[in-house]
N, C-alpha and C. Protein backbone atom coordinates (compact mmCIF):
# COMPACT_ATOMS: atom_id res chain seq x y z
N UNK A 1 0.82 -1.19 0.00
CA UNK A 1 0.00 0.00 0.00
C UNK A 1 0.86 1.26 0.00
N UNK A 2 1.99 1.19 0.68
CA UNK A 2 2.85 2.36 0.74
C UNK A 2 3.39 2.72 -0.65
N UNK A 3 3.71 1.71 -1.43
CA UNK A 3 4.17 1.97 -2.80
C UNK A 3 3.05 2.65 -3.59
N UNK A 4 1.82 2.19 -3.41
CA UNK A 4 0.69 2.80 -4.10
C UNK A 4 0.54 4.27 -3.70
N UNK A 5 0.65 4.54 -2.41
CA UNK A 5 0.53 5.92 -1.93
C UNK A 5 1.61 6.81 -2.55
N UNK A 6 2.84 6.29 -2.60
CA UNK A 6 3.92 7.08 -3.19
C UNK A 6 3.65 7.35 -4.66
N UNK A 7 3.21 6.33 -5.39
CA UNK A 7 2.93 6.50 -6.82
C UNK A 7 1.73 7.41 -7.06
N UNK A 8 0.73 7.33 -6.21
CA UNK A 8 -0.43 8.23 -6.31
C UNK A 8 0.02 9.67 -6.08
N UNK A 9 0.82 9.88 -5.04
CA UNK A 9 1.31 11.23 -4.73
C UNK A 9 2.10 11.80 -5.89
N UNK A 10 2.98 10.99 -6.46
CA UNK A 10 3.78 11.45 -7.59
C UNK A 10 2.90 11.80 -8.79
N UNK A 11 1.91 10.98 -9.04
CA UNK A 11 1.01 11.24 -10.17
C UNK A 11 0.17 12.50 -9.95
N UNK A 12 -0.31 12.69 -8.72
CA UNK A 12 -1.08 13.91 -8.43
C UNK A 12 -0.19 15.14 -8.58
N UNK A 13 1.07 15.02 -8.19
CA UNK A 13 2.01 16.13 -8.33
C UNK A 13 2.26 16.50 -9.78
N UNK A 14 2.06 15.55 -10.67
CA UNK A 14 2.24 15.78 -12.11
C UNK A 14 0.91 16.04 -12.81
N UNK A 15 -0.16 16.19 -12.03
CA UNK A 15 -1.50 16.39 -12.58
C UNK A 15 -1.86 15.27 -13.56
N UNK A 16 -1.62 14.03 -13.13
CA UNK A 16 -1.85 12.85 -13.97
C UNK A 16 -2.81 11.90 -13.25
N UNK A 17 -4.12 12.21 -13.28
CA UNK A 17 -5.07 11.39 -12.54
C UNK A 17 -5.18 9.96 -13.06
N UNK A 18 -4.92 9.74 -14.33
CA UNK A 18 -4.99 8.38 -14.88
C UNK A 18 -3.94 7.48 -14.23
N UNK A 19 -2.72 7.99 -14.12
CA UNK A 19 -1.66 7.21 -13.47
C UNK A 19 -1.96 7.04 -11.99
N UNK A 20 -2.54 8.06 -11.35
CA UNK A 20 -2.93 7.94 -9.94
C UNK A 20 -3.97 6.84 -9.78
N UNK A 21 -4.92 6.78 -10.70
CA UNK A 21 -5.95 5.74 -10.64
C UNK A 21 -5.33 4.35 -10.81
N UNK A 22 -4.41 4.22 -11.74
CA UNK A 22 -3.75 2.94 -11.96
C UNK A 22 -2.97 2.51 -10.72
N UNK A 23 -2.28 3.44 -10.08
CA UNK A 23 -1.52 3.13 -8.87
C UNK A 23 -2.46 2.70 -7.74
N UNK A 24 -3.57 3.39 -7.61
CA UNK A 24 -4.54 3.05 -6.56
C UNK A 24 -5.14 1.67 -6.80
N UNK A 25 -5.43 1.37 -8.05
CA UNK A 25 -6.05 0.09 -8.38
C UNK A 25 -5.15 -1.09 -7.97
N UNK A 26 -3.82 -0.89 -8.03
CA UNK A 26 -2.89 -1.95 -7.65
C UNK A 26 -2.99 -2.30 -6.17
N UNK A 27 -3.49 -1.36 -5.36
CA UNK A 27 -3.67 -1.62 -3.92
C UNK A 27 -5.14 -1.88 -3.59
N UNK A 28 -5.96 -1.97 -4.61
CA UNK A 28 -7.40 -2.16 -4.41
C UNK A 28 -7.75 -3.59 -4.04
N UNK A 29 -9.02 -3.88 -4.12
CA UNK A 29 -9.55 -5.17 -3.70
C UNK A 29 -8.96 -6.37 -4.41
N UNK A 30 -8.53 -6.19 -5.65
CA UNK A 30 -7.96 -7.31 -6.39
C UNK A 30 -6.59 -7.73 -5.87
N UNK A 31 -5.96 -6.90 -5.07
CA UNK A 31 -4.63 -7.22 -4.56
C UNK A 31 -4.67 -8.17 -3.36
N UNK A 32 -5.84 -8.40 -2.82
CA UNK A 32 -5.97 -9.20 -1.60
C UNK A 32 -5.56 -10.65 -1.83
N UNK A 33 -5.73 -11.16 -3.02
CA UNK A 33 -5.43 -12.55 -3.30
C UNK A 33 -3.97 -12.92 -3.12
N UNK A 34 -3.08 -11.94 -3.04
CA UNK A 34 -1.67 -12.21 -2.89
C UNK A 34 -1.22 -12.47 -1.47
N UNK A 35 -2.12 -12.36 -0.51
CA UNK A 35 -1.76 -12.57 0.90
C UNK A 35 -1.82 -14.07 1.20
N UNK A 36 -0.74 -14.64 1.72
CA UNK A 36 -0.73 -16.07 2.02
C UNK A 36 -1.81 -16.46 3.03
N UNK A 37 -2.46 -17.59 2.80
CA UNK A 37 -3.50 -18.07 3.70
C UNK A 37 -2.93 -18.28 5.11
N UNK A 38 -1.68 -18.73 5.19
CA UNK A 38 -1.07 -18.96 6.50
C UNK A 38 -0.99 -17.68 7.32
N UNK A 39 -0.82 -16.54 6.65
CA UNK A 39 -0.80 -15.26 7.34
C UNK A 39 -2.22 -14.82 7.69
N UNK A 40 -3.13 -14.94 6.74
CA UNK A 40 -4.51 -14.49 6.96
C UNK A 40 -5.15 -15.18 8.16
N UNK A 41 -4.83 -16.44 8.38
CA UNK A 41 -5.45 -17.16 9.50
C UNK A 41 -4.94 -16.67 10.85
N UNK A 42 -3.79 -16.01 10.86
CA UNK A 42 -3.21 -15.52 12.11
C UNK A 42 -3.61 -14.09 12.46
N UNK A 43 -4.19 -13.38 11.51
CA UNK A 43 -4.52 -11.97 11.73
C UNK A 43 -5.86 -11.83 12.45
N UNK A 44 -5.97 -10.85 13.36
CA UNK A 44 -7.24 -10.61 14.05
C UNK A 44 -8.33 -10.19 13.04
N UNK A 45 -9.56 -10.56 13.35
CA UNK A 45 -10.68 -10.25 12.47
C UNK A 45 -10.79 -8.75 12.18
N UNK A 46 -10.64 -7.93 13.21
CA UNK A 46 -10.76 -6.48 13.01
C UNK A 46 -9.67 -5.97 12.06
N UNK A 47 -8.48 -6.51 12.15
CA UNK A 47 -7.40 -6.13 11.25
C UNK A 47 -7.79 -6.46 9.80
N UNK A 48 -8.33 -7.65 9.59
CA UNK A 48 -8.75 -8.05 8.25
C UNK A 48 -9.89 -7.17 7.74
N UNK A 49 -10.82 -6.83 8.61
CA UNK A 49 -11.93 -5.97 8.21
C UNK A 49 -11.41 -4.58 7.82
N UNK A 50 -10.50 -4.05 8.63
CA UNK A 50 -9.92 -2.74 8.31
C UNK A 50 -9.13 -2.80 7.01
N UNK A 51 -8.40 -3.88 6.82
CA UNK A 51 -7.62 -4.05 5.59
C UNK A 51 -8.51 -4.10 4.36
N UNK A 52 -9.61 -4.82 4.44
CA UNK A 52 -10.53 -4.89 3.31
C UNK A 52 -11.13 -3.52 3.02
N UNK A 53 -11.43 -2.77 4.06
CA UNK A 53 -11.96 -1.41 3.87
C UNK A 53 -10.90 -0.52 3.19
N UNK A 54 -9.64 -0.70 3.60
CA UNK A 54 -8.56 0.07 2.97
C UNK A 54 -8.45 -0.24 1.49
N UNK A 55 -8.47 -1.52 1.15
CA UNK A 55 -8.39 -1.90 -0.26
C UNK A 55 -9.57 -1.31 -1.03
N UNK A 56 -10.74 -1.32 -0.41
CA UNK A 56 -11.91 -0.71 -1.04
C UNK A 56 -11.73 0.78 -1.21
N UNK A 57 -11.07 1.42 -0.25
CA UNK A 57 -10.80 2.85 -0.36
C UNK A 57 -9.90 3.18 -1.54
N UNK A 58 -8.93 2.31 -1.81
CA UNK A 58 -8.08 2.52 -2.98
C UNK A 58 -8.89 2.36 -4.27
N UNK A 59 -9.82 1.41 -4.28
CA UNK A 59 -10.70 1.26 -5.45
C UNK A 59 -11.57 2.50 -5.63
N UNK A 60 -12.10 3.03 -4.52
CA UNK A 60 -12.92 4.24 -4.60
C UNK A 60 -12.10 5.42 -5.12
N UNK A 61 -10.85 5.52 -4.67
CA UNK A 61 -9.97 6.57 -5.16
C UNK A 61 -9.80 6.43 -6.67
N UNK A 62 -9.50 5.21 -7.13
CA UNK A 62 -9.30 4.98 -8.56
C UNK A 62 -10.55 5.35 -9.36
N UNK A 63 -11.71 4.97 -8.85
CA UNK A 63 -12.96 5.32 -9.53
C UNK A 63 -13.15 6.83 -9.61
N UNK A 64 -12.85 7.52 -8.52
CA UNK A 64 -13.00 8.99 -8.50
C UNK A 64 -12.02 9.64 -9.48
N UNK A 65 -10.80 9.15 -9.53
CA UNK A 65 -9.81 9.70 -10.47
C UNK A 65 -10.26 9.46 -11.91
N UNK A 66 -10.79 8.28 -12.18
CA UNK A 66 -11.28 7.98 -13.53
C UNK A 66 -12.49 8.82 -13.92
N UNK A 67 -13.27 9.23 -12.92
CA UNK A 67 -14.43 10.10 -13.18
C UNK A 67 -14.01 11.55 -13.42
N UNK A 68 -12.75 11.84 -13.18
CA UNK A 68 -12.27 13.21 -13.38
C UNK A 68 -12.44 14.11 -12.17
N UNK A 69 -12.49 13.51 -10.99
CA UNK A 69 -12.60 14.30 -9.77
C UNK A 69 -11.40 15.26 -9.68
N UNK A 70 -11.61 16.40 -9.09
CA UNK A 70 -10.56 17.43 -9.02
C UNK A 70 -9.35 16.94 -8.22
N UNK A 71 -8.21 17.53 -8.51
CA UNK A 71 -6.98 17.19 -7.79
C UNK A 71 -7.14 17.47 -6.30
N UNK A 72 -7.86 18.53 -5.98
CA UNK A 72 -8.06 18.86 -4.57
C UNK A 72 -8.84 17.75 -3.86
N UNK A 73 -9.90 17.26 -4.48
CA UNK A 73 -10.68 16.19 -3.85
C UNK A 73 -9.91 14.88 -3.83
N UNK A 74 -9.12 14.61 -4.87
CA UNK A 74 -8.31 13.39 -4.87
C UNK A 74 -7.26 13.45 -3.76
N UNK A 75 -6.69 14.61 -3.55
CA UNK A 75 -5.72 14.78 -2.48
C UNK A 75 -6.38 14.57 -1.13
N UNK A 76 -7.59 15.06 -0.97
CA UNK A 76 -8.36 14.84 0.26
C UNK A 76 -8.62 13.35 0.47
N UNK A 77 -8.99 12.66 -0.61
CA UNK A 77 -9.21 11.21 -0.51
C UNK A 77 -7.93 10.49 -0.08
N UNK A 78 -6.80 10.89 -0.68
CA UNK A 78 -5.53 10.27 -0.33
C UNK A 78 -5.19 10.53 1.13
N UNK A 79 -5.45 11.73 1.60
CA UNK A 79 -5.20 12.07 3.00
C UNK A 79 -6.03 11.18 3.92
N UNK A 80 -7.27 10.94 3.56
CA UNK A 80 -8.13 10.06 4.37
C UNK A 80 -7.59 8.64 4.38
N UNK A 81 -7.13 8.16 3.22
CA UNK A 81 -6.54 6.83 3.18
C UNK A 81 -5.32 6.75 4.08
N UNK A 82 -4.48 7.77 4.04
CA UNK A 82 -3.30 7.79 4.89
C UNK A 82 -3.67 7.82 6.37
N UNK A 83 -4.74 8.52 6.70
CA UNK A 83 -5.23 8.53 8.08
C UNK A 83 -5.61 7.13 8.54
N UNK A 84 -6.23 6.37 7.64
CA UNK A 84 -6.58 4.99 7.97
C UNK A 84 -5.32 4.14 8.13
N UNK A 85 -4.31 4.39 7.29
CA UNK A 85 -3.04 3.66 7.40
C UNK A 85 -2.40 3.93 8.77
N UNK A 86 -2.36 5.17 9.15
CA UNK A 86 -1.75 5.56 10.42
C UNK A 86 -2.49 4.90 11.59
N UNK A 87 -3.80 4.93 11.55
CA UNK A 87 -4.60 4.34 12.63
C UNK A 87 -4.32 2.85 12.75
N UNK A 88 -4.21 2.17 11.63
CA UNK A 88 -3.94 0.73 11.66
C UNK A 88 -2.55 0.46 12.21
N UNK A 89 -1.56 1.22 11.75
CA UNK A 89 -0.20 1.01 12.22
C UNK A 89 -0.05 1.33 13.70
N UNK A 90 -0.88 2.23 14.21
CA UNK A 90 -0.83 2.52 15.65
C UNK A 90 -1.49 1.39 16.45
N UNK A 91 -2.51 0.78 15.88
CA UNK A 91 -3.26 -0.26 16.60
C UNK A 91 -2.58 -1.63 16.53
N UNK A 92 -1.93 -1.92 15.42
CA UNK A 92 -1.37 -3.25 15.21
C UNK A 92 0.13 -3.14 14.95
N UNK A 93 0.88 -3.78 15.82
CA UNK A 93 2.34 -3.79 15.69
C UNK A 93 2.83 -5.19 16.00
N UNK A 94 3.90 -5.54 15.33
CA UNK A 94 4.55 -6.82 15.62
C UNK A 94 5.75 -6.52 16.50
N UNK A 95 5.77 -7.15 17.65
CA UNK A 95 6.88 -6.95 18.57
C UNK A 95 7.91 -8.05 18.32
N UNK A 96 9.06 -7.68 17.77
CA UNK A 96 10.06 -8.71 17.43
C UNK A 96 10.67 -9.39 18.66
N UNK A 97 10.43 -8.84 19.84
CA UNK A 97 10.98 -9.46 21.05
C UNK A 97 10.08 -10.57 21.60
N UNK A 98 8.88 -10.67 21.06
CA UNK A 98 7.96 -11.71 21.57
C UNK A 98 8.14 -13.01 20.84
């Protein structure tokens, strides 16, 4: 997702909503199939629910960019997605000492 955010930001900076949409789509719902089942079974339900919502948010961003939504609104959407990323990273951490 972080790669998608970086590519979206770069595309918005170049006023290229099509490339921003393509970058967002790579982190959208279709990307979920790449997560190993062995990992998915270990993740808390709320984490998985939040993750699915995040992937959906990237799809919504891509749809909005394809509809020609303004750069200002796309930037607002990206900011909201980043807020969700931050909230998840604050709630879920892997402690390497455990």
